[in-house]
Amino acid sequence: MNSLLVNKHKNKDIFLVTSSIQKTWPTKIKIDSGESQMERLMEGFRIYIATYNATSFLEALNWNIPTIIFWNPKYNELNERSKVDFELLKSVGIFHETPESAAKQLLEVWDNIPNWWNDDSLQNVRENFCNNYVKSHAKPIEEVKKLLKKY
């Protein structure tokens, strides 16, 4: 079983990071090109690492899967409102602006990911973030029907 899933962007810089990770943990890592169905990919992994701003990290956070996100804000700009929320993700070790910071976080939590991930302050930040950016409904069809009736 793999322990780490890295969903990478098709970017040359990210290739260097992922090849370095594969050399360090060759039998415990799976690198995905971002073309597979995320829910299926995330099954059976200890932690998920997202390397770019996409839906996959939102899904992972919403499913309460231990997640580390890193990207260079120069290439993935955030609006003023979301900057505040990403600073909160940064404060609990979920969001990082460099691969080095993300790697340091991974090394710090690796031996006890559940303790880090289930920390009350981290979970509060994650839940608030999901409330702002991820809408999840037990009965999505009913929700769509309600919305359509309004218009």
C-alpha atoms as a PDB file:
ATOM      1  CA  MET A   1       0.000   0.000   0.000  1.00  0.00           C
ATOM      2  CA  ASN A   2       1.195   3.500  -0.812  1.00  0.00           C
ATOM      3  CA  SER A   3       1.425   5.999   2.029  1.00  0.00           C
ATOM      4  CA  LEU A   4       1.616   9.240   0.110  1.00  0.00           C
ATOM      5  CA  LEU A   5      -0.270  10.540  -2.915  1.00  0.00           C
ATOM      6  CA  VAL A   6       1.019  13.571  -4.789  1.00  0.00           C
ATOM      7  CA  ASN A   7      -1.311  15.057  -7.359  1.00  0.00           C
ATOM      8  CA  LYS A   8       0.926  17.189  -9.515  1.00  0.00           C
ATOM      9  CA  HIS A   9       0.472  19.834 -12.129  1.00  0.00           C
ATOM     10  CA  LYS A  10       2.163  19.287 -15.476  1.00  0.00           C
ATOM     11  CA  ASN A  11       4.892  21.753 -14.640  1.00  0.00           C
ATOM     12  CA  LYS A  12       8.648  21.227 -14.981  1.00  0.00           C
ATOM     13  CA  ASP A  13       9.387  22.627 -11.502  1.00  0.00           C
ATOM     14  CA  ILE A  14       6.953  20.208  -9.903  1.00  0.00           C
ATOM     15  CA  PHE A  15       8.676  17.329 -11.735  1.00  0.00           C
ATOM     16  CA  LEU A  16      11.858  18.077  -9.786  1.00  0.00           C
ATOM     17  CA  VAL A  17       9.988  17.993  -6.486  1.00  0.00           C
ATOM     18  CA  THR A  18       8.138  14.770  -7.228  1.00  0.00           C
ATOM     19  CA  SER A  19      11.200  12.975  -8.588  1.00  0.00           C
ATOM     20  CA  SER A  20      13.050  13.920  -5.402  1.00  0.00           C
ATOM     21  CA  ILE A  21      10.183  12.551  -3.288  1.00  0.00           C
ATOM     22  CA  GLN A  22      10.146   9.319  -5.305  1.00  0.00           C
ATOM     23  CA  LYS A  23      13.874   8.817  -4.719  1.00  0.00           C
ATOM     24  CA  THR A  24      13.369   9.255  -0.969  1.00  0.00           C
ATOM     25  CA  TRP A  25      10.315   6.975  -0.629  1.00  0.00           C
ATOM     26  CA  PRO A  26      10.250   4.819  -3.815  1.00  0.00           C
ATOM     27  CA  THR A  27       7.827   2.156  -2.546  1.00  0.00           C
ATOM     28  CA  LYS A  28       5.523   4.340  -0.487  1.00  0.00           C
ATOM     29  CA  ILE A  29       4.529   7.025  -2.942  1.00  0.00           C
ATOM     30  CA  LYS A  30       2.229   7.383  -5.897  1.00  0.00           C
ATOM     31  CA  ILE A  31       2.499  10.344  -8.236  1.00  0.00           C
ATOM     32  CA  ASP A  32      -0.637  11.158 -10.201  1.00  0.00           C
ATOM     33  CA  SER A  33      -0.682  13.426 -13.212  1.00  0.00           C
ATOM     34  CA  GLY A  34      -3.999  14.944 -12.173  1.00  0.00           C
ATOM     35  CA  GLU A  35      -6.021  12.973 -14.696  1.00  0.00           C
ATOM     36  CA  SER A  36      -7.523  10.306 -12.411  1.00  0.00           C
ATOM     37  CA  GLN A  37     -10.744  10.474 -10.412  1.00  0.00           C
ATOM     38  CA  MET A  38      -9.745  11.967  -7.059  1.00  0.00           C
ATOM     39  CA  GLU A  39     -12.077  10.010  -4.780  1.00  0.00           C
ATOM     40  CA  ARG A  40     -10.720   6.703  -6.072  1.00  0.00           C
ATOM     41  CA  LEU A  41      -7.144   7.930  -5.909  1.00  0.00           C
ATOM     42  CA  MET A  42      -7.337   9.062  -2.297  1.00  0.00           C
ATOM     43  CA  GLU A  43      -8.494   5.722  -0.905  1.00  0.00           C
ATOM     44  CA  GLY A  44      -5.930   4.036   1.287  1.00  0.00           C
ATOM     45  CA  PHE A  45      -3.417   6.881   1.624  1.00  0.00           C
ATOM     46  CA  ARG A  46      -2.152   8.449   4.847  1.00  0.00           C
ATOM     47  CA  ILE A  47      -1.902  11.980   3.416  1.00  0.00           C
ATOM     48  CA  TYR A  48      -2.652  13.895   0.240  1.00  0.00           C
ATOM     49  CA  ILE A  49      -0.396  16.603  -1.195  1.00  0.00           C
ATOM     50  CA  ALA A  50      -1.736  19.121  -3.714  1.00  0.00           C
ATOM     51  CA  THR A  51       0.740  21.164  -5.734  1.00  0.00           C
ATOM     52  CA  TYR A  52      -1.600  23.613  -7.467  1.00  0.00           C
ATOM     53  CA  ASN A  53      -4.892  25.448  -7.045  1.00  0.00           C
ATOM     54  CA  ALA A  54      -7.577  23.046  -8.233  1.00  0.00           C
ATOM     55  CA  THR A  55     -10.712  21.257  -7.088  1.00  0.00           C
ATOM     56  CA  SER A  56      -8.802  18.228  -5.791  1.00  0.00           C
ATOM     57  CA  PHE A  57      -7.577  19.852  -2.581  1.00  0.00           C
ATOM     58  CA  LEU A  58     -11.096  21.184  -1.926  1.00  0.00           C
ATOM     59  CA  GLU A  59     -12.436  17.647  -2.238  1.00  0.00           C
ATOM     60  CA  ALA A  60      -9.744  16.279   0.066  1.00  0.00           C
ATOM     61  CA  LEU A  61     -10.443  18.921   2.715  1.00  0.00           C
ATOM     62  CA  ASN A  62     -14.178  18.365   2.425  1.00  0.00           C
ATOM     63  CA  TRP A  63     -13.717  14.592   2.834  1.00  0.00           C
ATOM     64  CA  ASN A  64     -11.507  15.338   5.870  1.00  0.00           C
ATOM     65  CA  ILE A  65      -8.475  13.647   4.320  1.00  0.00           C
ATOM     66  CA  PRO A  66      -5.143  14.806   5.783  1.00  0.00           C
ATOM     67  CA  THR A  67      -3.880  17.304   3.224  1.00  0.00           C
ATOM     68  CA  ILE A  68      -0.852  19.476   2.597  1.00  0.00           C
ATOM     69  CA  ILE A  69      -1.128  22.106  -0.120  1.00  0.00           C
ATOM     70  CA  PHE A  70       1.754  24.014  -1.639  1.00  0.00           C
ATOM     71  CA  TRP A  71       2.121  26.362  -4.532  1.00  0.00           C
ATOM     72  CA  ASN A  72       3.930  29.529  -5.430  1.00  0.00           C
ATOM     73  CA  PRO A  73       1.472  32.427  -4.958  1.00  0.00           C
ATOM     74  CA  LYS A  74       3.214  34.217  -7.815  1.00  0.00           C
ATOM     75  CA  TYR A  75       1.677  31.652 -10.190  1.00  0.00           C
ATOM     76  CA  ASN A  76      -1.563  30.957  -8.288  1.00  0.00           C
ATOM     77  CA  GLU A  77      -2.953  34.307  -7.266  1.00  0.00           C
ATOM     78  CA  LEU A  78      -5.621  34.604  -4.616  1.00  0.00           C
ATOM     79  CA  ASN A  79      -8.159  37.379  -4.224  1.00  0.00           C
ATOM     80  CA  GLU A  80      -8.085  39.497  -1.072  1.00  0.00           C
ATOM     81  CA  ARG A  81     -10.878  37.568   0.651  1.00  0.00           C
ATOM     82  CA  SER A  82      -9.316  34.157   0.071  1.00  0.00           C
ATOM     83  CA  LYS A  83      -5.848  35.340   1.151  1.00  0.00           C
ATOM     84  CA  VAL A  84      -7.162  35.585   4.712  1.00  0.00           C
ATOM     85  CA  ASP A  85      -8.525  32.045   4.567  1.00  0.00           C
ATOM     86  CA  PHE A  86      -5.293  30.648   3.121  1.00  0.00           C
ATOM     87  CA  GLU A  87      -3.334  32.387   5.876  1.00  0.00           C
ATOM     88  CA  LEU A  88      -5.470  30.444   8.342  1.00  0.00           C
ATOM     89  CA  LEU A  89      -4.703  27.203   6.450  1.00  0.00           C
ATOM     90  CA  LYS A  90      -1.041  28.175   6.655  1.00  0.00           C
ATOM     91  CA  SER A  91      -1.271  28.741  10.421  1.00  0.00           C
ATOM     92  CA  VAL A  92      -2.275  25.096  10.994  1.00  0.00           C
ATOM     93  CA  GLY A  93       0.217  23.624   8.537  1.00  0.00           C
ATOM     94  CA  ILE A  94      -2.099  22.803   5.643  1.00  0.00           C
ATOM     95  CA  PHE A  95      -1.051  25.498   3.149  1.00  0.00           C
ATOM     96  CA  HIS A  96       2.542  26.302   2.184  1.00  0.00           C
ATOM     97  CA  GLU A  97       4.078  28.654  -0.356  1.00  0.00           C
ATOM     98  CA  THR A  98       7.224  26.594  -0.997  1.00  0.00           C
ATOM     99  CA  PRO A  99       7.941  22.909  -1.487  1.00  0.00           C
ATOM    100  CA  GLU A 100      10.547  23.143   1.272  1.00  0.00           C
ATOM    101  CA  SER A 101       7.966  24.347   3.796  1.00  0.00           C
ATOM    102  CA  ALA A 102       5.539  21.603   2.718  1.00  0.00           C
ATOM    103  CA  ALA A 103       8.284  18.959   2.998  1.00  0.00           C
ATOM    104  CA  LYS A 104       9.213  20.197   6.479  1.00  0.00           C
ATOM    105  CA  GLN A 105       5.559  19.942   7.541  1.00  0.00           C
ATOM    106  CA  LEU A 106       5.299  16.438   6.104  1.00  0.00           C
ATOM    107  CA  LEU A 107       8.384  15.318   8.020  1.00  0.00           C
ATOM    108  CA  GLU A 108       7.056  16.870  11.241  1.00  0.00           C
ATOM    109  CA  VAL A 109       3.690  15.089  11.079  1.00  0.00           C
ATOM    110  CA  TRP A 110       4.600  11.874   9.259  1.00  0.00           C
ATOM    111  CA  ASP A 111       4.917   9.669  12.352  1.00  0.00           C
ATOM    112  CA  ASN A 112       1.559  10.764  13.739  1.00  0.00           C
ATOM    113  CA  ILE A 113      -0.595  12.302  11.039  1.00  0.00           C
ATOM    114  CA  PRO A 114      -3.870  11.683  12.970  1.00  0.00           C
ATOM    115  CA  ASN A 115      -2.674  13.742  15.963  1.00  0.00           C
ATOM    116  CA  TRP A 116      -1.865  16.692  13.696  1.00  0.00           C
ATOM    117  CA  TRP A 117      -4.951  16.337  11.510  1.00  0.00           C
ATOM    118  CA  ASN A 118      -7.448  15.846  14.346  1.00  0.00           C
ATOM    119  CA  ASP A 119      -6.223  18.829  16.349  1.00  0.00           C
ATOM    120  CA  ASP A 120      -9.225  20.984  17.288  1.00  0.00           C
ATOM    121  CA  SER A 121      -7.787  24.227  15.894  1.00  0.00           C
ATOM    122  CA  LEU A 122      -6.846  22.563  12.579  1.00  0.00           C
ATOM    123  CA  GLN A 123     -10.296  21.018  12.260  1.00  0.00           C
ATOM    124  CA  ASN A 124     -11.962  24.365  13.027  1.00  0.00           C
ATOM    125  CA  VAL A 125      -9.906  26.074  10.311  1.00  0.00           C
ATOM    126  CA  ARG A 126     -10.630  23.233   7.856  1.00  0.00           C
ATOM    127  CA  GLU A 127     -14.372  23.275   8.581  1.00  0.00           C
ATOM    128  CA  ASN A 128     -14.602  27.066   8.246  1.00  0.00           C
ATOM    129  CA  PHE A 129     -12.634  26.938   4.995  1.00  0.00           C
ATOM    130  CA  CYS A 130     -14.957  24.232   3.640  1.00  0.00           C
ATOM    131  CA  ASN A 131     -18.017  26.224   4.697  1.00  0.00           C
ATOM    132  CA  ASN A 132     -16.709  29.135   2.609  1.00  0.00           C
ATOM    133  CA  TYR A 133     -15.477  27.247  -0.463  1.00  0.00           C
ATOM    134  CA  VAL A 134     -17.008  23.762  -0.602  1.00  0.00           C
ATOM    135  CA  LYS A 135     -20.718  23.159  -0.628  1.00  0.00           C
ATOM    136  CA  SER A 136     -21.684  19.627   0.287  1.00  0.00           C
ATOM    137  CA  HIS A 137     -25.261  18.433   0.628  1.00  0.00           C
ATOM    138  CA  ALA A 138     -26.654  15.111   1.792  1.00  0.00           C
ATOM    139  CA  LYS A 139     -29.360  15.378  -0.884  1.00  0.00           C
ATOM    140  CA  PRO A 140     -27.856  17.358  -3.774  1.00  0.00           C
ATOM    141  CA  ILE A 141     -30.755  16.747  -6.168  1.00  0.00           C
ATOM    142  CA  GLU A 142     -33.206  18.224  -3.665  1.00  0.00           C
ATOM    143  CA  GLU A 143     -30.942  21.275  -3.279  1.00  0.00           C
ATOM    144  CA  VAL A 144     -30.810  21.779  -7.052  1.00  0.00           C
ATOM    145  CA  LYS A 145     -34.595  21.513  -7.256  1.00  0.00           C
ATOM    146  CA  LYS A 146     -34.947  24.222  -4.575  1.00  0.00           C
ATOM    147  CA  LEU A 147     -32.558  26.485  -6.436  1.00  0.00           C
ATOM    148  CA  LEU A 148     -34.336  25.979  -9.750  1.00  0.00           C
ATOM    149  CA  LYS A 149     -37.725  26.770  -8.199  1.00  0.00           C
ATOM    150  CA  LYS A 150     -36.384  30.161  -7.099  1.00  0.00           C
ATOM    151  CA  TYR A 151     -35.833  31.132 -10.722  1.00  0.00           C
END
